[in-house]
Amino acid sequence: IVRGKGNKERIVFVPNEELQAVFRQY
């Protein structure tokens, strides 16, 4: 969940499985 300009929220996806695994561990 990302808060952009004007504090507007949007959902941003992380599509790469290898990156997801590293990000999940972090």
PDB file of all heavy atoms in Angstrom:
ATOM      1  N   ILE A   1       0.865  -1.174   0.000  1.00  0.00           N
ATOM      2  CA  ILE A   1       0.000   0.000   0.000  1.00  0.00           C
ATOM      3  C   ILE A   1       0.904   1.226   0.000  1.00  0.00           C
ATOM      4  O   ILE A   1       1.711   1.409   0.906  1.00  0.00           O
ATOM      5  CB  ILE A   1      -0.922   0.018   1.224  1.00  0.00           C
ATOM      6  CG1 ILE A   1      -1.874  -1.181   1.198  1.00  0.00           C
ATOM      7  CG2 ILE A   1      -1.722   1.317   1.271  1.00  0.00           C
ATOM      8  CD1 ILE A   1      -2.750  -1.296   2.422  1.00  0.00           C
ATOM      9  N   VAL A   2       0.783   2.038  -1.042  1.00  0.00           N
ATOM     10  CA  VAL A   2       1.657   3.185  -1.234  1.00  0.00           C
ATOM     11  C   VAL A   2       0.854   4.469  -1.104  1.00  0.00           C
ATOM     12  O   VAL A   2      -0.276   4.552  -1.583  1.00  0.00           O
ATOM     13  CB  VAL A   2       2.324   3.117  -2.635  1.00  0.00           C
ATOM     14  CG1 VAL A   2       3.112   4.382  -2.916  1.00  0.00           C
ATOM     15  CG2 VAL A   2       3.228   1.897  -2.715  1.00  0.00           C
ATOM     16  N   ARG A   3       1.439   5.447  -0.427  1.00  0.00           N
ATOM     17  CA  ARG A   3       0.806   6.759  -0.304  1.00  0.00           C
ATOM     18  C   ARG A   3       1.535   7.738  -1.207  1.00  0.00           C
ATOM     19  O   ARG A   3       2.689   8.063  -0.977  1.00  0.00           O
ATOM     20  CB  ARG A   3       0.828   7.230   1.152  1.00  0.00           C
ATOM     21  CG  ARG A   3      -0.082   6.390   2.048  1.00  0.00           C
ATOM     22  CD  ARG A   3       0.258   6.471   3.516  1.00  0.00           C
ATOM     23  NE  ARG A   3      -0.498   5.454   4.262  1.00  0.00           N
ATOM     24  CZ  ARG A   3      -0.106   4.199   4.388  1.00  0.00           C
ATOM     25  NH1 ARG A   3       1.026   3.800   3.837  1.00  0.00           N
ATOM     26  NH2 ARG A   3      -0.846   3.330   5.056  1.00  0.00           N
ATOM     27  N   GLY A   4       0.814   8.204  -2.234  1.00  0.00           N
ATOM     28  CA  GLY A   4       1.415   9.084  -3.212  1.00  0.00           C
ATOM     29  C   GLY A   4       1.133  10.542  -2.937  1.00  0.00           C
ATOM     30  O   GLY A   4       0.915  10.951  -1.792  1.00  0.00           O
ATOM     31  N   LYS A   5       1.113  11.341  -3.988  1.00  0.00           N
ATOM     32  CA  LYS A   5       0.869  12.770  -3.849  1.00  0.00           C
ATOM     33  C   LYS A   5      -0.520  13.010  -3.279  1.00  0.00           C
ATOM     34  O   LYS A   5      -1.478  12.324  -3.625  1.00  0.00           O
ATOM     35  CB  LYS A   5       1.001  13.457  -5.209  1.00  0.00           C
ATOM     36  CG  LYS A   5       2.437  13.514  -5.715  1.00  0.00           C
ATOM     37  CD  LYS A   5       2.526  14.325  -6.989  1.00  0.00           C
ATOM     38  CE  LYS A   5       3.981  14.474  -7.440  1.00  0.00           C
ATOM     39  NZ  LYS A   5       4.093  15.282  -8.673  1.00  0.00           N
ATOM     40  N   GLY A   6      -0.601  14.003  -2.397  1.00  0.00           N
ATOM     41  CA  GLY A   6      -1.876  14.283  -1.761  1.00  0.00           C
ATOM     42  C   GLY A   6      -2.297  13.194  -0.791  1.00  0.00           C
ATOM     43  O   GLY A   6      -3.471  13.091  -0.423  1.00  0.00           O
ATOM     44  N   ASN A   7      -1.331  12.352  -0.381  1.00  0.00           N
ATOM     45  CA  ASN A   7      -1.584  11.255   0.562  1.00  0.00           C
ATOM     46  C   ASN A   7      -2.604  10.254   0.020  1.00  0.00           C
ATOM     47  O   ASN A   7      -3.295   9.577   0.778  1.00  0.00           O
ATOM     48  CB  ASN A   7      -2.069  11.798   1.914  1.00  0.00           C
ATOM     49  CG  ASN A   7      -1.734  10.852   3.060  1.00  0.00           C
ATOM     50  OD1 ASN A   7      -0.729  10.138   3.027  1.00  0.00           O
ATOM     51  ND2 ASN A   7      -2.587  10.810   4.065  1.00  0.00           N
ATOM     52  N   LYS A   8      -2.705  10.160  -1.306  1.00  0.00           N
ATOM     53  CA  LYS A   8      -3.622   9.205  -1.922  1.00  0.00           C
ATOM     54  C   LYS A   8      -3.005   7.817  -1.908  1.00  0.00           C
ATOM     55  O   LYS A   8      -1.846   7.640  -2.250  1.00  0.00           O
ATOM     56  CB  LYS A   8      -3.937   9.626  -3.361  1.00  0.00           C
ATOM     57  CG  LYS A   8      -4.719  10.927  -3.466  1.00  0.00           C
ATOM     58  CD  LYS A   8      -4.987  11.282  -4.920  1.00  0.00           C
ATOM     59  CE  LYS A   8      -5.767  12.584  -5.029  1.00  0.00           C
ATOM     60  NZ  LYS A   8      -6.001  12.982  -6.442  1.00  0.00           N
ATOM     61  N   GLU A   9      -3.805   6.835  -1.508  1.00  0.00           N
ATOM     62  CA  GLU A   9      -3.315   5.468  -1.422  1.00  0.00           C
ATOM     63  C   GLU A   9      -3.588   4.708  -2.716  1.00  0.00           C
ATOM     64  O   GLU A   9      -4.592   4.920  -3.377  1.00  0.00           O
ATOM     65  CB  GLU A   9      -3.980   4.728  -0.256  1.00  0.00           C
ATOM     66  CG  GLU A   9      -3.532   5.184   1.115  1.00  0.00           C
ATOM     67  CD  GLU A   9      -4.087   4.294   2.215  1.00  0.00           C
ATOM     68  OE1 GLU A   9      -4.878   3.375   1.893  1.00  0.00           O
ATOM     69  OE2 GLU A   9      -3.734   4.515   3.385  1.00  0.00           O
ATOM     70  N   ARG A  10      -2.658   3.824  -3.069  1.00  0.00           N
ATOM     71  CA  ARG A  10      -2.886   2.908  -4.179  1.00  0.00           C
ATOM     72  C   ARG A  10      -2.146   1.611  -3.877  1.00  0.00           C
ATOM     73  O   ARG A  10      -1.228   1.592  -3.048  1.00  0.00           O
ATOM     74  CB  ARG A  10      -2.408   3.498  -5.500  1.00  0.00           C
ATOM     75  CG  ARG A  10      -0.909   3.643  -5.668  1.00  0.00           C
ATOM     76  CD  ARG A  10      -0.569   4.302  -7.007  1.00  0.00           C
ATOM     77  NE  ARG A  10       0.845   4.297  -7.322  1.00  0.00           N
ATOM     78  CZ  ARG A  10       1.727   5.169  -6.860  1.00  0.00           C
ATOM     79  NH1 ARG A  10       1.328   6.136  -6.046  1.00  0.00           N
ATOM     80  NH2 ARG A  10       2.998   5.096  -7.203  1.00  0.00           N
ATOM     81  N   ILE A  11      -2.552   0.551  -4.540  1.00  0.00           N
ATOM     82  CA  ILE A  11      -1.893  -0.743  -4.382  1.00  0.00           C
ATOM     83  C   ILE A  11      -0.886  -0.915  -5.505  1.00  0.00           C
ATOM     84  O   ILE A  11      -1.198  -0.691  -6.679  1.00  0.00           O
ATOM     85  CB  ILE A  11      -2.912  -1.893  -4.402  1.00  0.00           C
ATOM     86  CG1 ILE A  11      -3.820  -1.814  -3.174  1.00  0.00           C
ATOM     87  CG2 ILE A  11      -2.195  -3.238  -4.446  1.00  0.00           C
ATOM     88  CD1 ILE A  11      -4.895  -2.869  -3.138  1.00  0.00           C
ATOM     89  N   VAL A  12       0.336  -1.293  -5.142  1.00  0.00           N
ATOM     90  CA  VAL A  12       1.398  -1.521  -6.113  1.00  0.00           C
ATOM     91  C   VAL A  12       1.879  -2.954  -5.960  1.00  0.00           C
ATOM     92  O   VAL A  12       2.093  -3.433  -4.839  1.00  0.00           O
ATOM     93  CB  VAL A  12       2.568  -0.530  -5.886  1.00  0.00           C
ATOM     94  CG1 VAL A  12       3.750  -0.864  -6.788  1.00  0.00           C
ATOM     95  CG2 VAL A  12       2.108   0.898  -6.150  1.00  0.00           C
ATOM     96  N   PHE A  13       2.057  -3.641  -7.083  1.00  0.00           N
ATOM     97  CA  PHE A  13       2.417  -5.051  -7.060  1.00  0.00           C
ATOM     98  C   PHE A  13       3.897  -5.278  -7.322  1.00  0.00           C
ATOM     99  O   PHE A  13       4.543  -4.506  -8.035  1.00  0.00           O
ATOM    100  CB  PHE A  13       1.592  -5.812  -8.109  1.00  0.00           C
ATOM    101  CG  PHE A  13       0.114  -5.720  -7.870  1.00  0.00           C
ATOM    102  CD1 PHE A  13      -0.675  -4.878  -8.641  1.00  0.00           C
ATOM    103  CD2 PHE A  13      -0.487  -6.438  -6.852  1.00  0.00           C
ATOM    104  CE1 PHE A  13      -2.035  -4.772  -8.416  1.00  0.00           C
ATOM    105  CE2 PHE A  13      -1.846  -6.337  -6.619  1.00  0.00           C
ATOM    106  CZ  PHE A  13      -2.620  -5.503  -7.403  1.00  0.00           C
ATOM    107  N   VAL A  14       4.408  -6.368  -6.735  1.00  0.00           N
ATOM    108  CA  VAL A  14       5.788  -6.810  -6.961  1.00  0.00           C
ATOM    109  C   VAL A  14       5.688  -8.137  -7.698  1.00  0.00           C
ATOM    110  O   VAL A  14       5.456  -9.176  -7.080  1.00  0.00           O
ATOM    111  CB  VAL A  14       6.551  -6.980  -5.630  1.00  0.00           C
ATOM    112  CG1 VAL A  14       7.992  -7.418  -5.886  1.00  0.00           C
ATOM    113  CG2 VAL A  14       6.513  -5.694  -4.821  1.00  0.00           C
ATOM    114  N   PRO A  15       5.832  -8.152  -9.029  1.00  0.00           N
ATOM    115  CA  PRO A  15       5.485  -9.336  -9.807  1.00  0.00           C
ATOM    116  C   PRO A  15       6.538 -10.434  -9.882  1.00  0.00           C
ATOM    117  O   PRO A  15       6.213 -11.573 -10.169  1.00  0.00           O
ATOM    118  CB  PRO A  15       5.235  -8.752 -11.212  1.00  0.00           C
ATOM    119  CG  PRO A  15       6.108  -7.546 -11.262  1.00  0.00           C
ATOM    120  CD  PRO A  15       6.127  -6.987  -9.881  1.00  0.00           C
ATOM    121  N   ASN A  16       7.790 -10.134  -9.658  1.00  0.00           N
ATOM    122  CA  ASN A  16       8.859 -11.111  -9.837  1.00  0.00           C
ATOM    123  C   ASN A  16       8.996 -12.017  -8.618  1.00  0.00           C
ATOM    124  O   ASN A  16       9.196 -11.543  -7.498  1.00  0.00           O
ATOM    125  CB  ASN A  16      10.177 -10.361 -10.104  1.00  0.00           C
ATOM    126  CG  ASN A  16      11.336 -11.300 -10.338  1.00  0.00           C
ATOM    127  OD1 ASN A  16      11.998 -11.704  -9.385  1.00  0.00           O
ATOM    128  ND2 ASN A  16      11.584 -11.648 -11.588  1.00  0.00           N
ATOM    129  N   GLU A  17       8.914 -13.332  -8.808  1.00  0.00           N
ATOM    130  CA  GLU A  17       8.908 -14.275  -7.681  1.00  0.00           C
ATOM    131  C   GLU A  17      10.225 -14.263  -6.914  1.00  0.00           C
ATOM    132  O   GLU A  17      10.240 -14.352  -5.679  1.00  0.00           O
ATOM    133  CB  GLU A  17       8.600 -15.693  -8.191  1.00  0.00           C
ATOM    134  CG  GLU A  17       7.166 -15.862  -8.691  1.00  0.00           C
ATOM    135  CD  GLU A  17       6.873 -17.295  -9.066  1.00  0.00           C
ATOM    136  OE1 GLU A  17       7.774 -18.162  -8.908  1.00  0.00           O
ATOM    137  OE2 GLU A  17       5.738 -17.565  -9.516  1.00  0.00           O
ATOM    138  N   GLU A  18      11.330 -14.164  -7.644  1.00  0.00           N
ATOM    139  CA  GLU A  18      12.635 -14.129  -6.974  1.00  0.00           C
ATOM    140  C   GLU A  18      12.763 -12.874  -6.119  1.00  0.00           C
ATOM    141  O   GLU A  18      13.236 -12.938  -4.979  1.00  0.00           O
ATOM    142  CB  GLU A  18      13.745 -14.167  -8.025  1.00  0.00           C
ATOM    143  CG  GLU A  18      15.148 -14.203  -7.431  1.00  0.00           C
ATOM    144  CD  GLU A  18      16.215 -14.284  -8.509  1.00  0.00           C
ATOM    145  OE1 GLU A  18      15.915 -14.799  -9.607  1.00  0.00           O
ATOM    146  OE2 GLU A  18      17.342 -13.821  -8.245  1.00  0.00           O
ATOM    147  N   LEU A  19      12.316 -11.754  -6.655  1.00  0.00           N
ATOM    148  CA  LEU A  19      12.350 -10.503  -5.888  1.00  0.00           C
ATOM    149  C   LEU A  19      11.397 -10.593  -4.700  1.00  0.00           C
ATOM    150  O   LEU A  19      11.723 -10.121  -3.606  1.00  0.00           O
ATOM    151  CB  LEU A  19      11.972  -9.329  -6.790  1.00  0.00           C
ATOM    152  CG  LEU A  19      11.887  -7.955  -6.112  1.00  0.00           C
ATOM    153  CD1 LEU A  19      13.210  -7.594  -5.435  1.00  0.00           C
ATOM    154  CD2 LEU A  19      11.497  -6.884  -7.129  1.00  0.00           C
ATOM    155  N   GLN A  20      10.238 -11.194  -4.895  1.00  0.00           N
ATOM    156  CA  GLN A  20       9.284 -11.358  -3.798  1.00  0.00           C
ATOM    157  C   GLN A  20       9.913 -12.123  -2.642  1.00  0.00           C
ATOM    158  O   GLN A  20       9.728 -11.771  -1.469  1.00  0.00           O
ATOM    159  CB  GLN A  20       8.039 -12.103  -4.280  1.00  0.00           C
ATOM    160  CG  GLN A  20       7.073 -11.281  -5.112  1.00  0.00           C
ATOM    161  CD  GLN A  20       5.889 -12.097  -5.583  1.00  0.00           C
ATOM    162  OE1 GLN A  20       5.623 -13.183  -5.052  1.00  0.00           O
ATOM    163  NE2 GLN A  20       5.178 -11.607  -6.578  1.00  0.00           N
ATOM    164  N   ALA A  21      10.665 -13.170  -2.966  1.00  0.00           N
ATOM    165  CA  ALA A  21      11.281 -13.995  -1.919  1.00  0.00           C
ATOM    166  C   ALA A  21      12.289 -13.180  -1.108  1.00  0.00           C
ATOM    167  O   ALA A  21      12.311 -13.251   0.131  1.00  0.00           O
ATOM    168  CB  ALA A  21      11.959 -15.212  -2.551  1.00  0.00           C
ATOM    169  N   VAL A  22      13.118 -12.399  -1.801  1.00  0.00           N
ATOM    170  CA  VAL A  22      14.107 -11.566  -1.111  1.00  0.00           C
ATOM    171  C   VAL A  22      13.404 -10.493  -0.281  1.00  0.00           C
ATOM    172  O   VAL A  22      13.770 -10.236   0.875  1.00  0.00           O
ATOM    173  CB  VAL A  22      15.066 -10.902  -2.131  1.00  0.00           C
ATOM    174  CG1 VAL A  22      16.004  -9.929  -1.428  1.00  0.00           C
ATOM    175  CG2 VAL A  22      15.855 -11.968  -2.874  1.00  0.00           C
ATOM    176  N   PHE A  23      12.396  -9.879  -0.876  1.00  0.00           N
ATOM    177  CA  PHE A  23      11.648  -8.813  -0.211  1.00  0.00           C
ATOM    178  C   PHE A  23      10.905  -9.370   1.007  1.00  0.00           C
ATOM    179  O   PHE A  23      10.867  -8.742   2.071  1.00  0.00           O
ATOM    180  CB  PHE A  23      10.670  -8.199  -1.209  1.00  0.00           C
ATOM    181  CG  PHE A  23      10.057  -6.889  -0.769  1.00  0.00           C
ATOM    182  CD1 PHE A  23      10.715  -6.032   0.106  1.00  0.00           C
ATOM    183  CD2 PHE A  23       8.800  -6.501  -1.249  1.00  0.00           C
ATOM    184  CE1 PHE A  23      10.157  -4.826   0.490  1.00  0.00           C
ATOM    185  CE2 PHE A  23       8.231  -5.298  -0.864  1.00  0.00           C
ATOM    186  CZ  PHE A  23       8.898  -4.463   0.008  1.00  0.00           C
ATOM    187  N   ARG A  24      10.354 -10.557   0.867  1.00  0.00           N
ATOM    188  CA  ARG A  24       9.615 -11.190   1.961  1.00  0.00           C
ATOM    189  C   ARG A  24      10.535 -11.475   3.144  1.00  0.00           C
ATOM    190  O   ARG A  24      10.178 -11.231   4.304  1.00  0.00           O
ATOM    191  CB  ARG A  24       8.969 -12.482   1.455  1.00  0.00           C
ATOM    192  CG  ARG A  24       8.104 -13.201   2.467  1.00  0.00           C
ATOM    193  CD  ARG A  24       7.211 -14.236   1.806  1.00  0.00           C
ATOM    194  NE  ARG A  24       7.937 -15.191   0.995  1.00  0.00           N
ATOM    195  CZ  ARG A  24       7.870 -15.279  -0.332  1.00  0.00           C
ATOM    196  NH1 ARG A  24       7.109 -14.437  -1.020  1.00  0.00           N
ATOM    197  NH2 ARG A  24       8.561 -16.192  -0.990  1.00  0.00           N
ATOM    198  N   GLN A  25      11.742 -11.971   2.850  1.00  0.00           N
ATOM    199  CA  GLN A  25      12.695 -12.253   3.922  1.00  0.00           C
ATOM    200  C   GLN A  25      13.140 -10.970   4.597  1.00  0.00           C
ATOM    201  O   GLN A  25      13.270 -10.909   5.828  1.00  0.00           O
ATOM    202  CB  GLN A  25      13.910 -12.990   3.352  1.00  0.00           C
ATOM    203  CG  GLN A  25      14.924 -13.422   4.405  1.00  0.00           C
ATOM    204  CD  GLN A  25      14.313 -14.359   5.431  1.00  0.00           C
ATOM    205  OE1 GLN A  25      13.747 -15.406   5.076  1.00  0.00           O
ATOM    206  NE2 GLN A  25      14.399 -14.005   6.720  1.00  0.00           N
ATOM    207  N   TYR A  26      13.366  -9.927   3.801  1.00  0.00           N
ATOM    208  CA  TYR A  26      13.775  -8.644   4.369  1.00  0.00           C
ATOM    209  C   TYR A  26      12.700  -8.093   5.302  1.00  0.00           C
ATOM    210  O   TYR A  26      12.998  -7.636   6.417  1.00  0.00           O
ATOM    211  CB  TYR A  26      14.062  -7.637   3.248  1.00  0.00           C
ATOM    212  CG  TYR A  26      14.339  -6.241   3.771  1.00  0.00           C
ATOM    213  CD1 TYR A  26      15.602  -5.905   4.262  1.00  0.00           C
ATOM    214  CD2 TYR A  26      13.335  -5.274   3.803  1.00  0.00           C
ATOM    215  CE1 TYR A  26      15.858  -4.633   4.764  1.00  0.00           C
ATOM    216  CE2 TYR A  26      13.589  -4.001   4.307  1.00  0.00           C
ATOM    217  CZ  TYR A  26      14.840  -3.693   4.783  1.00  0.00           C
ATOM    218  OH  TYR A  26      15.080  -2.442   5.293  1.00  0.00           O
TER     219      TYR A  26
END
